[in-house]
Each structure stands twice: as C-alpha cells, then as structure tokens.
Amino acid sequence: MYSRHVQVLAAVLVLATVAVLGGCKGGRQAEPDIQFMGYDARYSTKPDFARLEHRYPLGDTVESRQELARITPKYLGHLDQEKVDQIYARLTAGPIPDGPYDGDLFLPEGSTGKVRAAEIIGGLKGLVVRFKARKLEALGRILWKGKVFYRDQMVLRNRIEDLAILAPLIDGPLGDIPKIDVDRKDAWLMFPARLYCGQSLLDGRRESLIIDYAFSDEIAGYRERPDFLATRRGFAVRDEIRMIRPGFYLGRAYLDRVFVLNFTLYNKEIADAGLDQWLTAGSPAEECSVGSQRLAVASVAH
C-alpha cells in the first residue's frame, strides 16, 4: 500500500494531470466585450444555455469572433464559474488538435479555502487531501507543462518537465519514459488518453472533444505506475474541450464525472497561422457535432 506521503503526491498529480491552461503570451490588449445573462447565487437563476446562445451568440459573426480573439487565460481566470460556463456553452469543439499544446490549470475567481477536488478525491478512494486553491494552482504549474495530441492515432499524452516530485510514484527506470522537446525544453510524456467526440457533461446540446483516461492501459506506452491513477481503476479522469479560436481551447476536467477544474490549451504557431482566416470566414471544419441550434443559426445566416 502507498504511504500517506505517496497518496498525497498521487492526488496532486492527478489534479495536475486533468487540466492544463494555455499560456498565451503577448502585449497588453483590450479585454473582450463578452455578453452574459444575469444570475445570482441560487442555482435556479442560472440561465438556460439555448436561450443564452440565442440572445448572445459567439463565433457566428466577425464582430463576435473579434471578441473571442481577445480572450486570454488571464481574462478567464478573473471570471466566476458561471461566466466561464456561459462562454464554454457557446463554443463548438472545432478541429481535433494535433501536436503539442502549452498549459496550466486555473480555478475561477473567488475560489477560496479547500479545493472542492480534495473532497471528491477523499470520497473516491479514501485519500484525504487538503490543499489551498492557490497552492494547487502553483503546484500544477510546476508539474504540468501541457499536452501532446496525436491526431492520427486519436490519443493524447501529457508533458511533465520535472519528475523529481513524482519519482516515488514511478516504476521502472526514468530513462525509459519517452520525451519531447518543445521550445528547446525537454518534457516527459506520460498519462496517455483516448480522444473522441462525445457529449459534454455541462452542455448536452452539442459535442465536445473528450480526453478520456478510463482505458489508458490499452494504449501503447502505458506505464502502470503512475499512469493507472488517471484510469477507471484510479480517479477516472475525463476532460472535455471546445475551441475559443484556432490553437486555443477551453476545457473542463472531471474526476469520476464530477467537475473539478477549468483549463485551456494553447499552441502559438497554430493560433498565429489561423487567426486571420478564422476572423474572416469563421470556424474551420468541425469534426464533432455542433448540435441543431448551431445548425439552425448557420442556416439563417446563409
């Protein structure tokens, strides 16, 4: 059995695994003028996503795409969870990514005290962890640097830059773990996952791109420790993402189908190359279902 020290490391590792936030770099720019429907703390006041999209659609006009183009991780990190959800619900999955994406997790503005995920993990496997929200963010940034999509295989692997803190969880020689060089920095590739289009756990009107770790043990290169922690025998990690703009994706991370974290993924090369065409012509070819509401809007627009 794991020692308590290793259990805590395992819990933190999985939290870092499930979400990586895109590190968009660049000069200061005006914040986007994104419209939201009103709400308060009561769940009953949360707006219906279909009505929200009918009133304040995103991505269907040049003007609204210009606002999406101004969204940054910093902007998202200053929103409360309801506003993050309202943005996500109006996005589509976009094209399936390929290649490396930078990342780092984020929690909604106003998250205080113990992270909700700590309580969830305790219920899943009896592992009790108590981490402050900002401490979790900081540790996630140290451990996790992004993901690599292998589109032709429909699999994904996660990038770790520093294995020192994870060493107690890893079996076999560390030198056997495959590596990737991104921006002249080495990263180890671990925690494989399947990619497929599937129903969003937040918004069932259209599909998201699902990053599913449940059966990772069937993927080539799987290593029992620590990769099993993300599988059906561990924390049952499941992510889903939708595209904000080419090269930039907003995602949601779940443990055993319970939402725990927001994240974004960012590839600067793809973002720079595809921005102008996307602003003019709209979303590149969709590979997941956009739902009947988006199809109806597109039909009216044309």
C-alpha atoms as a PDB file:
ATOM      1  CA  MET A   1       0.000   0.000   0.000  1.00  0.00           C
ATOM      2  CA  TYR A   2       1.092   3.588  -0.563  1.00  0.00           C
ATOM      3  CA  SER A   3       2.419   5.615   2.312  1.00  0.00           C
ATOM      4  CA  ARG A   4       0.445   8.745   3.211  1.00  0.00           C
ATOM      5  CA  HIS A   5       3.167  10.852   1.553  1.00  0.00           C
ATOM      6  CA  VAL A   6       2.812   8.956  -1.710  1.00  0.00           C
ATOM      7  CA  GLN A   7      -1.005   9.111  -1.504  1.00  0.00           C
ATOM      8  CA  VAL A   8      -0.906  12.889  -1.257  1.00  0.00           C
ATOM      9  CA  LEU A   9       1.523  13.084  -4.175  1.00  0.00           C
ATOM     10  CA  ALA A  10      -0.779  10.837  -6.180  1.00  0.00           C
ATOM     11  CA  ALA A  11      -3.779  13.051  -5.550  1.00  0.00           C
ATOM     12  CA  VAL A  12      -1.903  16.193  -6.522  1.00  0.00           C
ATOM     13  CA  LEU A  13      -0.531  14.506  -9.616  1.00  0.00           C
ATOM     14  CA  VAL A  14      -3.965  13.590 -10.899  1.00  0.00           C
ATOM     15  CA  LEU A  15      -5.300  17.082 -10.256  1.00  0.00           C
ATOM     16  CA  ALA A  16      -2.413  18.475 -12.265  1.00  0.00           C
ATOM     17  CA  THR A  17      -2.950  15.870 -14.988  1.00  0.00           C
ATOM     18  CA  VAL A  18      -6.583  16.577 -15.692  1.00  0.00           C
ATOM     19  CA  ALA A  19      -6.155  20.204 -16.713  1.00  0.00           C
ATOM     20  CA  VAL A  20      -3.569  22.340 -18.419  1.00  0.00           C
ATOM     21  CA  LEU A  21      -4.019  26.030 -19.124  1.00  0.00           C
ATOM     22  CA  GLY A  22      -2.750  27.608 -22.333  1.00  0.00           C
ATOM     23  CA  GLY A  23      -0.042  30.195 -21.705  1.00  0.00           C
ATOM     24  CA  CYS A  24      -0.967  32.840 -24.265  1.00  0.00           C
ATOM     25  CA  LYS A  25       1.828  35.359 -24.388  1.00  0.00           C
ATOM     26  CA  GLY A  26       1.714  38.830 -25.826  1.00  0.00           C
ATOM     27  CA  GLY A  27       1.338  42.527 -25.161  1.00  0.00           C
ATOM     28  CA  ARG A  28      -1.455  44.201 -23.271  1.00  0.00           C
ATOM     29  CA  GLN A  29      -4.756  44.291 -25.143  1.00  0.00           C
ATOM     30  CA  ALA A  30      -8.310  45.392 -24.509  1.00  0.00           C
ATOM     31  CA  GLU A  31     -10.471  42.893 -22.645  1.00  0.00           C
ATOM     32  CA  PRO A  32     -13.224  41.248 -24.679  1.00  0.00           C
ATOM     33  CA  ASP A  33     -16.748  42.588 -24.576  1.00  0.00           C
ATOM     34  CA  ILE A  34     -18.472  39.272 -23.892  1.00  0.00           C
ATOM     35  CA  GLN A  35     -22.162  39.453 -23.003  1.00  0.00           C
ATOM     36  CA  PHE A  36     -23.583  37.284 -20.203  1.00  0.00           C
ATOM     37  CA  MET A  37     -27.086  36.622 -18.928  1.00  0.00           C
ATOM     38  CA  GLY A  38     -27.869  37.621 -15.352  1.00  0.00           C
ATOM     39  CA  TYR A  39     -27.815  35.249 -12.384  1.00  0.00           C
ATOM     40  CA  ASP A  40     -27.204  35.185  -8.660  1.00  0.00           C
ATOM     41  CA  ALA A  41     -26.001  32.620  -6.140  1.00  0.00           C
ATOM     42  CA  ARG A  42     -29.156  30.497  -6.384  1.00  0.00           C
ATOM     43  CA  TYR A  43     -28.940  27.634  -8.855  1.00  0.00           C
ATOM     44  CA  SER A  44     -32.471  28.366 -10.059  1.00  0.00           C
ATOM     45  CA  THR A  45     -31.281  31.693 -11.514  1.00  0.00           C
ATOM     46  CA  LYS A  46     -28.706  30.116 -13.841  1.00  0.00           C
ATOM     47  CA  PRO A  47     -29.801  30.764 -17.451  1.00  0.00           C
ATOM     48  CA  ASP A  48     -30.714  28.104 -19.981  1.00  0.00           C
ATOM     49  CA  PHE A  49     -27.821  27.696 -22.433  1.00  0.00           C
ATOM     50  CA  ALA A  50     -30.085  27.585 -25.503  1.00  0.00           C
ATOM     51  CA  ARG A  51     -31.667  30.900 -24.536  1.00  0.00           C
ATOM     52  CA  LEU A  52     -28.214  32.340 -23.729  1.00  0.00           C
ATOM     53  CA  GLU A  53     -26.887  31.402 -27.166  1.00  0.00           C
ATOM     54  CA  HIS A  54     -29.988  32.711 -28.912  1.00  0.00           C
ATOM     55  CA  ARG A  55     -29.597  36.082 -27.202  1.00  0.00           C
ATOM     56  CA  TYR A  56     -25.794  36.388 -27.149  1.00  0.00           C
ATOM     57  CA  PRO A  57     -24.246  34.033 -29.737  1.00  0.00           C
ATOM     58  CA  LEU A  58     -20.465  33.744 -30.025  1.00  0.00           C
ATOM     59  CA  GLY A  59     -18.478  32.971 -33.160  1.00  0.00           C
ATOM     60  CA  ASP A  60     -21.207  33.477 -35.752  1.00  0.00           C
ATOM     61  CA  THR A  61     -20.146  36.989 -36.858  1.00  0.00           C
ATOM     62  CA  VAL A  62     -16.864  38.791 -37.482  1.00  0.00           C
ATOM     63  CA  GLU A  63     -17.634  41.084 -34.550  1.00  0.00           C
ATOM     64  CA  SER A  64     -18.175  38.261 -32.067  1.00  0.00           C
ATOM     65  CA  ARG A  65     -15.076  36.428 -33.318  1.00  0.00           C
ATOM     66  CA  GLN A  66     -13.101  39.600 -32.675  1.00  0.00           C
ATOM     67  CA  GLU A  67     -14.269  39.450 -29.066  1.00  0.00           C
ATOM     68  CA  LEU A  68     -13.304  35.756 -28.814  1.00  0.00           C
ATOM     69  CA  ALA A  69      -9.879  36.681 -30.204  1.00  0.00           C
ATOM     70  CA  ARG A  70      -9.350  38.960 -27.194  1.00  0.00           C
ATOM     71  CA  ILE A  71      -9.954  36.181 -24.655  1.00  0.00           C
ATOM     72  CA  THR A  72      -6.815  35.224 -22.725  1.00  0.00           C
ATOM     73  CA  PRO A  73      -6.201  32.807 -19.838  1.00  0.00           C
ATOM     74  CA  LYS A  74      -5.817  35.820 -17.552  1.00  0.00           C
ATOM     75  CA  TYR A  75      -9.254  37.094 -18.551  1.00  0.00           C
ATOM     76  CA  LEU A  76     -10.831  33.683 -17.937  1.00  0.00           C
ATOM     77  CA  GLY A  77      -9.109  33.379 -14.574  1.00  0.00           C
ATOM     78  CA  HIS A  78     -10.818  36.560 -13.383  1.00  0.00           C
ATOM     79  CA  LEU A  79     -14.311  35.274 -14.145  1.00  0.00           C
ATOM     80  CA  ASP A  80     -16.547  33.394 -11.752  1.00  0.00           C
ATOM     81  CA  GLN A  81     -17.515  29.851 -12.687  1.00  0.00           C
ATOM     82  CA  GLU A  82     -20.924  30.756 -14.093  1.00  0.00           C
ATOM     83  CA  LYS A  83     -19.364  33.136 -16.637  1.00  0.00           C
ATOM     84  CA  VAL A  84     -16.739  30.558 -17.630  1.00  0.00           C
ATOM     85  CA  ASP A  85     -19.592  28.073 -18.147  1.00  0.00           C
ATOM     86  CA  GLN A  86     -21.569  30.579 -20.223  1.00  0.00           C
ATOM     87  CA  ILE A  87     -18.583  31.057 -22.535  1.00  0.00           C
ATOM     88  CA  TYR A  88     -17.948  27.313 -22.840  1.00  0.00           C
ATOM     89  CA  ALA A  89     -21.599  26.600 -23.651  1.00  0.00           C
ATOM     90  CA  ARG A  90     -21.491  28.912 -26.668  1.00  0.00           C
ATOM     91  CA  LEU A  91     -18.369  27.332 -28.188  1.00  0.00           C
ATOM     92  CA  THR A  92     -18.063  24.345 -30.528  1.00  0.00           C
ATOM     93  CA  ALA A  93     -15.386  21.661 -30.439  1.00  0.00           C
ATOM     94  CA  GLY A  94     -13.632  22.891 -33.579  1.00  0.00           C
ATOM     95  CA  PRO A  95     -10.998  20.735 -35.298  1.00  0.00           C
ATOM     96  CA  ILE A  96      -9.270  17.957 -33.377  1.00  0.00           C
ATOM     97  CA  PRO A  97      -5.860  19.354 -32.338  1.00  0.00           C
ATOM     98  CA  ASP A  98      -2.546  17.873 -33.437  1.00  0.00           C
ATOM     99  CA  GLY A  99       0.859  18.340 -31.819  1.00  0.00           C
ATOM    100  CA  PRO A 100       1.986  19.997 -28.560  1.00  0.00           C
ATOM    101  CA  TYR A 101      -0.094  22.499 -26.600  1.00  0.00           C
ATOM    102  CA  ASP A 102       1.061  24.522 -23.612  1.00  0.00           C
ATOM    103  CA  GLY A 103      -0.983  24.566 -20.463  1.00  0.00           C
ATOM    104  CA  ASP A 104      -1.608  25.299 -16.833  1.00  0.00           C
ATOM    105  CA  LEU A 105      -4.723  24.807 -14.687  1.00  0.00           C
ATOM    106  CA  PHE A 106      -6.901  27.615 -13.357  1.00  0.00           C
ATOM    107  CA  LEU A 107      -9.663  27.979 -10.815  1.00  0.00           C
ATOM    108  CA  PRO A 108     -12.486  30.513 -11.077  1.00  0.00           C
ATOM    109  CA  GLU A 109     -12.173  33.904  -9.416  1.00  0.00           C
ATOM    110  CA  GLY A 110     -13.338  33.792  -5.840  1.00  0.00           C
ATOM    111  CA  SER A 111     -12.341  30.166  -5.181  1.00  0.00           C
ATOM    112  CA  THR A 112     -11.230  30.129  -1.551  1.00  0.00           C
ATOM    113  CA  GLY A 113     -10.496  27.658   1.190  1.00  0.00           C
ATOM    114  CA  LYS A 114     -10.139  23.971   0.427  1.00  0.00           C
ATOM    115  CA  VAL A 115     -10.346  22.880  -3.179  1.00  0.00           C
ATOM    116  CA  ARG A 116     -13.560  21.049  -3.977  1.00  0.00           C
ATOM    117  CA  ALA A 117     -11.492  18.352  -5.653  1.00  0.00           C
ATOM    118  CA  ALA A 118      -9.902  17.427  -2.339  1.00  0.00           C
ATOM    119  CA  GLU A 119     -13.304  16.401  -1.015  1.00  0.00           C
ATOM    120  CA  ILE A 120     -14.066  14.449  -4.185  1.00  0.00           C
ATOM    121  CA  ILE A 121     -10.812  12.529  -4.063  1.00  0.00           C
ATOM    122  CA  GLY A 122     -11.441  11.628  -0.440  1.00  0.00           C
ATOM    123  CA  GLY A 123     -14.771  10.113  -1.432  1.00  0.00           C
ATOM    124  CA  LEU A 124     -13.381   8.199  -4.384  1.00  0.00           C
ATOM    125  CA  LYS A 125     -10.564   6.274  -2.814  1.00  0.00           C
ATOM    126  CA  GLY A 126     -10.415   7.333   0.789  1.00  0.00           C
ATOM    127  CA  LEU A 127      -7.439   9.570   0.068  1.00  0.00           C
ATOM    128  CA  VAL A 128      -7.889  12.711   2.132  1.00  0.00           C
ATOM    129  CA  VAL A 129      -6.056  15.711   0.762  1.00  0.00           C
ATOM    130  CA  ARG A 130      -6.328  19.306   1.905  1.00  0.00           C
ATOM    131  CA  PHE A 131      -4.742  21.843  -0.388  1.00  0.00           C
ATOM    132  CA  LYS A 132      -5.480  25.542  -0.646  1.00  0.00           C
ATOM    133  CA  ALA A 133      -6.728  26.545  -4.084  1.00  0.00           C
ATOM    134  CA  ARG A 134      -3.787  28.763  -4.950  1.00  0.00           C
ATOM    135  CA  LYS A 135      -1.273  26.211  -3.670  1.00  0.00           C
ATOM    136  CA  LEU A 136      -2.821  23.658  -6.005  1.00  0.00           C
ATOM    137  CA  GLU A 137      -2.520  26.059  -8.913  1.00  0.00           C
ATOM    138  CA  ALA A 138       1.142  26.714  -8.133  1.00  0.00           C
ATOM    139  CA  LEU A 139       1.979  23.015  -7.818  1.00  0.00           C
ATOM    140  CA  GLY A 140       0.113  22.220 -11.023  1.00  0.00           C
ATOM    141  CA  ARG A 141       2.227  24.749 -12.908  1.00  0.00           C
ATOM    142  CA  ILE A 142       5.417  23.190 -11.571  1.00  0.00           C
ATOM    143  CA  LEU A 143       4.434  19.647 -12.528  1.00  0.00           C
ATOM    144  CA  TRP A 144       2.480  20.066 -15.758  1.00  0.00           C
ATOM    145  CA  LYS A 145       3.519  21.920 -18.904  1.00  0.00           C
ATOM    146  CA  GLY A 146       0.953  20.792 -21.426  1.00  0.00           C
ATOM    147  CA  LYS A 147      -0.395  18.021 -23.611  1.00  0.00           C
ATOM    148  CA  VAL A 148       0.579  16.470 -26.941  1.00  0.00           C
ATOM    149  CA  PHE A 149      -2.192  15.416 -29.333  1.00  0.00           C
ATOM    150  CA  TYR A 150      -1.576  12.559 -31.775  1.00  0.00           C
ATOM    151  CA  ARG A 151      -4.445  13.163 -34.117  1.00  0.00           C
ATOM    152  CA  ASP A 152      -3.756  10.243 -36.471  1.00  0.00           C
ATOM    153  CA  GLN A 153      -3.882   7.829 -33.512  1.00  0.00           C
ATOM    154  CA  MET A 154      -6.656   9.700 -31.650  1.00  0.00           C
ATOM    155  CA  VAL A 155      -4.619   9.626 -28.457  1.00  0.00           C
ATOM    156  CA  LEU A 156      -3.047  12.220 -26.193  1.00  0.00           C
ATOM    157  CA  ARG A 157      -0.074  12.267 -23.815  1.00  0.00           C
ATOM    158  CA  ASN A 158       0.775  14.716 -21.050  1.00  0.00           C
ATOM    159  CA  ARG A 159       4.007  16.700 -20.687  1.00  0.00           C
ATOM    160  CA  ILE A 160       5.880  16.807 -17.375  1.00  0.00           C
ATOM    161  CA  GLU A 161       9.004  18.929 -17.073  1.00  0.00           C
ATOM    162  CA  ASP A 162      10.201  17.907 -13.602  1.00  0.00           C
ATOM    163  CA  LEU A 163       9.985  14.306 -12.406  1.00  0.00           C
ATOM    164  CA  ALA A 164      11.656  14.837  -9.026  1.00  0.00           C
ATOM    165  CA  ILE A 165       8.439  15.195  -7.024  1.00  0.00           C
ATOM    166  CA  LEU A 166       6.839  12.287  -8.893  1.00  0.00           C
ATOM    167  CA  ALA A 167       9.702   9.808  -8.501  1.00  0.00           C
ATOM    168  CA  PRO A 168       8.042   7.853  -5.622  1.00  0.00           C
ATOM    169  CA  LEU A 169       5.086   7.089  -7.896  1.00  0.00           C
ATOM    170  CA  ILE A 170       7.027   5.890 -10.939  1.00  0.00           C
ATOM    171  CA  ASP A 171       8.000   2.270 -11.532  1.00  0.00           C
ATOM    172  CA  GLY A 172      10.925   1.290 -13.745  1.00  0.00           C
ATOM    173  CA  PRO A 173      13.876   3.403 -14.936  1.00  0.00           C
ATOM    174  CA  LEU A 174      13.058   7.049 -15.520  1.00  0.00           C
ATOM    175  CA  GLY A 175      15.219   6.926 -18.614  1.00  0.00           C
ATOM    176  CA  ASP A 176      12.681   4.642 -20.282  1.00  0.00           C
ATOM    177  CA  ILE A 177       9.985   7.341 -20.249  1.00  0.00           C
ATOM    178  CA  PRO A 178       9.679   8.956 -23.722  1.00  0.00           C
ATOM    179  CA  LYS A 179      10.442  12.663 -24.022  1.00  0.00           C
ATOM    180  CA  ILE A 180       9.568  15.560 -26.288  1.00  0.00           C
ATOM    181  CA  ASP A 181      11.376  18.841 -26.954  1.00  0.00           C
ATOM    182  CA  VAL A 182       9.052  21.861 -27.045  1.00  0.00           C
ATOM    183  CA  ASP A 183      10.636  25.321 -27.399  1.00  0.00           C
ATOM    184  CA  ARG A 184      14.036  23.823 -26.526  1.00  0.00           C
ATOM    185  CA  LYS A 185      12.713  22.398 -23.259  1.00  0.00           C
ATOM    186  CA  ASP A 186      12.513  18.669 -22.594  1.00  0.00           C
ATOM    187  CA  ALA A 187       9.344  17.155 -21.167  1.00  0.00           C
ATOM    188  CA  TRP A 188       8.444  13.579 -20.297  1.00  0.00           C
ATOM    189  CA  LEU A 189       5.358  12.078 -21.943  1.00  0.00           C
ATOM    190  CA  MET A 190       3.060  10.312 -19.502  1.00  0.00           C
ATOM    191  CA  PHE A 191      -0.632   9.613 -18.787  1.00  0.00           C
ATOM    192  CA  PRO A 192      -1.986   8.628 -22.222  1.00  0.00           C
ATOM    193  CA  ALA A 193      -5.669   9.154 -23.028  1.00  0.00           C
ATOM    194  CA  ARG A 194      -8.155   8.413 -25.797  1.00  0.00           C
ATOM    195  CA  LEU A 195      -9.591  11.200 -27.954  1.00  0.00           C
ATOM    196  CA  TYR A 196     -13.114  11.156 -29.370  1.00  0.00           C
ATOM    197  CA  CYS A 197     -16.160  13.357 -29.927  1.00  0.00           C
ATOM    198  CA  GLY A 198     -18.740  12.906 -27.187  1.00  0.00           C
ATOM    199  CA  GLN A 199     -21.487  14.582 -25.211  1.00  0.00           C
ATOM    200  CA  SER A 200     -20.447  17.365 -22.885  1.00  0.00           C
ATOM    201  CA  LEU A 201     -21.211  16.808 -19.217  1.00  0.00           C
ATOM    202  CA  LEU A 202     -22.052  20.516 -18.915  1.00  0.00           C
ATOM    203  CA  ASP A 203     -23.926  21.192 -22.148  1.00  0.00           C
ATOM    204  CA  GLY A 204     -25.644  18.289 -23.893  1.00  0.00           C
ATOM    205  CA  ARG A 205     -26.802  20.359 -26.884  1.00  0.00           C
ATOM    206  CA  ARG A 206     -23.593  19.648 -28.799  1.00  0.00           C
ATOM    207  CA  GLU A 207     -20.477  17.515 -28.585  1.00  0.00           C
ATOM    208  CA  SER A 208     -17.104  18.371 -27.111  1.00  0.00           C
ATOM    209  CA  LEU A 209     -13.770  16.723 -27.793  1.00  0.00           C
ATOM    210  CA  ILE A 210     -13.350  14.197 -24.982  1.00  0.00           C
ATOM    211  CA  ILE A 211      -9.986  13.313 -23.407  1.00  0.00           C
ATOM    212  CA  ASP A 212     -10.708  10.004 -21.697  1.00  0.00           C
ATOM    213  CA  TYR A 213      -8.240   8.225 -19.406  1.00  0.00           C
ATOM    214  CA  ALA A 214     -10.514   5.340 -18.377  1.00  0.00           C
ATOM    215  CA  PHE A 215      -8.898   2.688 -20.605  1.00  0.00           C
ATOM    216  CA  SER A 216      -5.421   4.179 -20.914  1.00  0.00           C
ATOM    217  CA  ASP A 217      -3.944   0.767 -20.090  1.00  0.00           C
ATOM    218  CA  GLU A 218      -4.870  -0.294 -23.639  1.00  0.00           C
ATOM    219  CA  ILE A 219      -2.724   2.447 -25.233  1.00  0.00           C
ATOM    220  CA  ALA A 220       0.834   1.717 -26.364  1.00  0.00           C
ATOM    221  CA  GLY A 221       3.407   3.101 -23.945  1.00  0.00           C
ATOM    222  CA  TYR A 222       1.149   2.853 -20.895  1.00  0.00           C
ATOM    223  CA  ARG A 223       3.126   2.522 -17.647  1.00  0.00           C
ATOM    224  CA  GLU A 224       1.220   1.032 -14.709  1.00  0.00           C
ATOM    225  CA  ARG A 225       2.704   3.445 -12.185  1.00  0.00           C
ATOM    226  CA  PRO A 226       1.773   6.221 -12.183  1.00  0.00           C
ATOM    227  CA  ASP A 227      -0.485   6.080 -15.269  1.00  0.00           C
ATOM    228  CA  PHE A 228      -3.142   3.914 -13.570  1.00  0.00           C
ATOM    229  CA  LEU A 229      -4.021   6.832 -11.271  1.00  0.00           C
ATOM    230  CA  ALA A 230      -5.963   8.508 -14.091  1.00  0.00           C
ATOM    231  CA  THR A 231      -7.776   5.361 -15.241  1.00  0.00           C
ATOM    232  CA  ARG A 232     -11.023   3.649 -14.248  1.00  0.00           C
ATOM    233  CA  ARG A 233      -9.022   1.897 -11.506  1.00  0.00           C
ATOM    234  CA  GLY A 234      -7.822   5.235 -10.167  1.00  0.00           C
ATOM    235  CA  PHE A 235      -9.537   8.612 -10.273  1.00  0.00           C
ATOM    236  CA  ALA A 236     -11.477   8.086 -13.533  1.00  0.00           C
ATOM    237  CA  VAL A 237     -10.243  11.290 -15.133  1.00  0.00           C
ATOM    238  CA  ARG A 238     -12.230  12.713 -18.042  1.00  0.00           C
ATOM    239  CA  ASP A 239     -11.592  16.058 -19.719  1.00  0.00           C
ATOM    240  CA  GLU A 240     -13.566  17.842 -22.412  1.00  0.00           C
ATOM    241  CA  ILE A 241     -12.548  20.796 -24.583  1.00  0.00           C
ATOM    242  CA  ARG A 242     -14.060  23.279 -27.034  1.00  0.00           C
ATOM    243  CA  MET A 243     -12.309  25.804 -29.260  1.00  0.00           C
ATOM    244  CA  ILE A 244     -12.178  29.505 -28.409  1.00  0.00           C
ATOM    245  CA  ARG A 245     -10.210  30.190 -31.602  1.00  0.00           C
ATOM    246  CA  PRO A 246      -7.718  28.176 -33.677  1.00  0.00           C
ATOM    247  CA  GLY A 247      -4.906  26.961 -31.435  1.00  0.00           C
ATOM    248  CA  PHE A 248      -6.701  27.927 -28.208  1.00  0.00           C
ATOM    249  CA  TYR A 249      -9.118  25.585 -26.385  1.00  0.00           C
ATOM    250  CA  LEU A 250     -11.142  25.937 -23.191  1.00  0.00           C
ATOM    251  CA  GLY A 251     -11.714  22.782 -21.179  1.00  0.00           C
ATOM    252  CA  ARG A 252     -13.311  21.227 -18.144  1.00  0.00           C
ATOM    253  CA  ALA A 253     -11.808  18.452 -16.007  1.00  0.00           C
ATOM    254  CA  TYR A 254     -13.786  15.773 -14.170  1.00  0.00           C
ATOM    255  CA  LEU A 255     -12.931  13.108 -11.623  1.00  0.00           C
ATOM    256  CA  ASP A 256     -15.441  10.260 -11.700  1.00  0.00           C
ATOM    257  CA  ARG A 257     -17.818  12.555 -13.657  1.00  0.00           C
ATOM    258  CA  VAL A 258     -17.652  15.308 -11.021  1.00  0.00           C
ATOM    259  CA  PHE A 259     -16.362  18.696 -12.245  1.00  0.00           C
ATOM    260  CA  VAL A 260     -13.198  19.888 -10.501  1.00  0.00           C
ATOM    261  CA  LEU A 261     -11.190  22.329 -12.633  1.00  0.00           C
ATOM    262  CA  ASN A 262     -11.141  24.603 -15.688  1.00  0.00           C
ATOM    263  CA  PHE A 263      -8.257  24.621 -18.150  1.00  0.00           C
ATOM    264  CA  THR A 264      -7.146  25.936 -21.523  1.00  0.00           C
ATOM    265  CA  LEU A 265      -4.684  24.656 -24.119  1.00  0.00           C
ATOM    266  CA  TYR A 266      -2.644  26.902 -26.417  1.00  0.00           C
ATOM    267  CA  ASN A 267      -0.402  26.425 -29.448  1.00  0.00           C
ATOM    268  CA  LYS A 268       1.077  29.747 -30.539  1.00  0.00           C
ATOM    269  CA  GLU A 269       2.124  28.623 -34.009  1.00  0.00           C
ATOM    270  CA  ILE A 270      -1.340  27.339 -34.890  1.00  0.00           C
ATOM    271  CA  ALA A 271      -3.009  30.350 -33.271  1.00  0.00           C
ATOM    272  CA  ASP A 272      -0.912  32.835 -35.257  1.00  0.00           C
ATOM    273  CA  ALA A 273      -1.296  30.987 -38.563  1.00  0.00           C
ATOM    274  CA  GLY A 274      -5.062  30.521 -38.402  1.00  0.00           C
ATOM    275  CA  LEU A 275      -6.273  33.740 -36.783  1.00  0.00           C
ATOM    276  CA  ASP A 276      -6.839  35.981 -39.827  1.00  0.00           C
ATOM    277  CA  GLN A 277      -8.714  33.363 -41.845  1.00  0.00           C
ATOM    278  CA  TRP A 278     -10.850  32.424 -38.845  1.00  0.00           C
ATOM    279  CA  LEU A 279     -11.760  36.061 -38.155  1.00  0.00           C
ATOM    280  CA  THR A 280     -12.923  36.437 -41.759  1.00  0.00           C
ATOM    281  CA  ALA A 281     -14.501  33.082 -42.564  1.00  0.00           C
ATOM    282  CA  GLY A 282     -15.369  31.583 -39.192  1.00  0.00           C
ATOM    283  CA  SER A 283     -14.644  28.214 -37.623  1.00  0.00           C
ATOM    284  CA  PRO A 284     -12.536  25.686 -39.538  1.00  0.00           C
ATOM    285  CA  ALA A 285     -14.092  22.338 -40.359  1.00  0.00           C
ATOM    286  CA  GLU A 286     -15.987  20.964 -37.383  1.00  0.00           C
ATOM    287  CA  GLU A 287     -15.294  17.322 -36.595  1.00  0.00           C
ATOM    288  CA  CYS A 288     -17.752  16.906 -33.717  1.00  0.00           C
ATOM    289  CA  SER A 289     -21.499  17.558 -33.830  1.00  0.00           C
ATOM    290  CA  VAL A 290     -22.361  21.246 -33.379  1.00  0.00           C
ATOM    291  CA  GLY A 291     -25.981  20.479 -32.451  1.00  0.00           C
ATOM    292  CA  SER A 292     -29.258  21.540 -34.021  1.00  0.00           C
ATOM    293  CA  GLN A 293     -29.222  25.044 -32.547  1.00  0.00           C
ATOM    294  CA  ARG A 294     -25.922  25.958 -34.207  1.00  0.00           C
ATOM    295  CA  LEU A 295     -27.070  24.387 -37.479  1.00  0.00           C
ATOM    296  CA  ALA A 296     -30.259  26.449 -37.373  1.00  0.00           C
ATOM    297  CA  VAL A 297     -28.313  29.642 -36.747  1.00  0.00           C
ATOM    298  CA  ALA A 298     -25.941  28.854 -39.614  1.00  0.00           C
ATOM    299  CA  SER A 299     -28.860  28.208 -41.939  1.00  0.00           C
ATOM    300  CA  VAL A 300     -30.458  31.565 -41.098  1.00  0.00           C
ATOM    301  CA  ALA A 301     -27.116  33.361 -41.533  1.00  0.00           C
ATOM    302  CA  HIS A 302     -26.740  32.000 -45.059  1.00  0.00           C
END
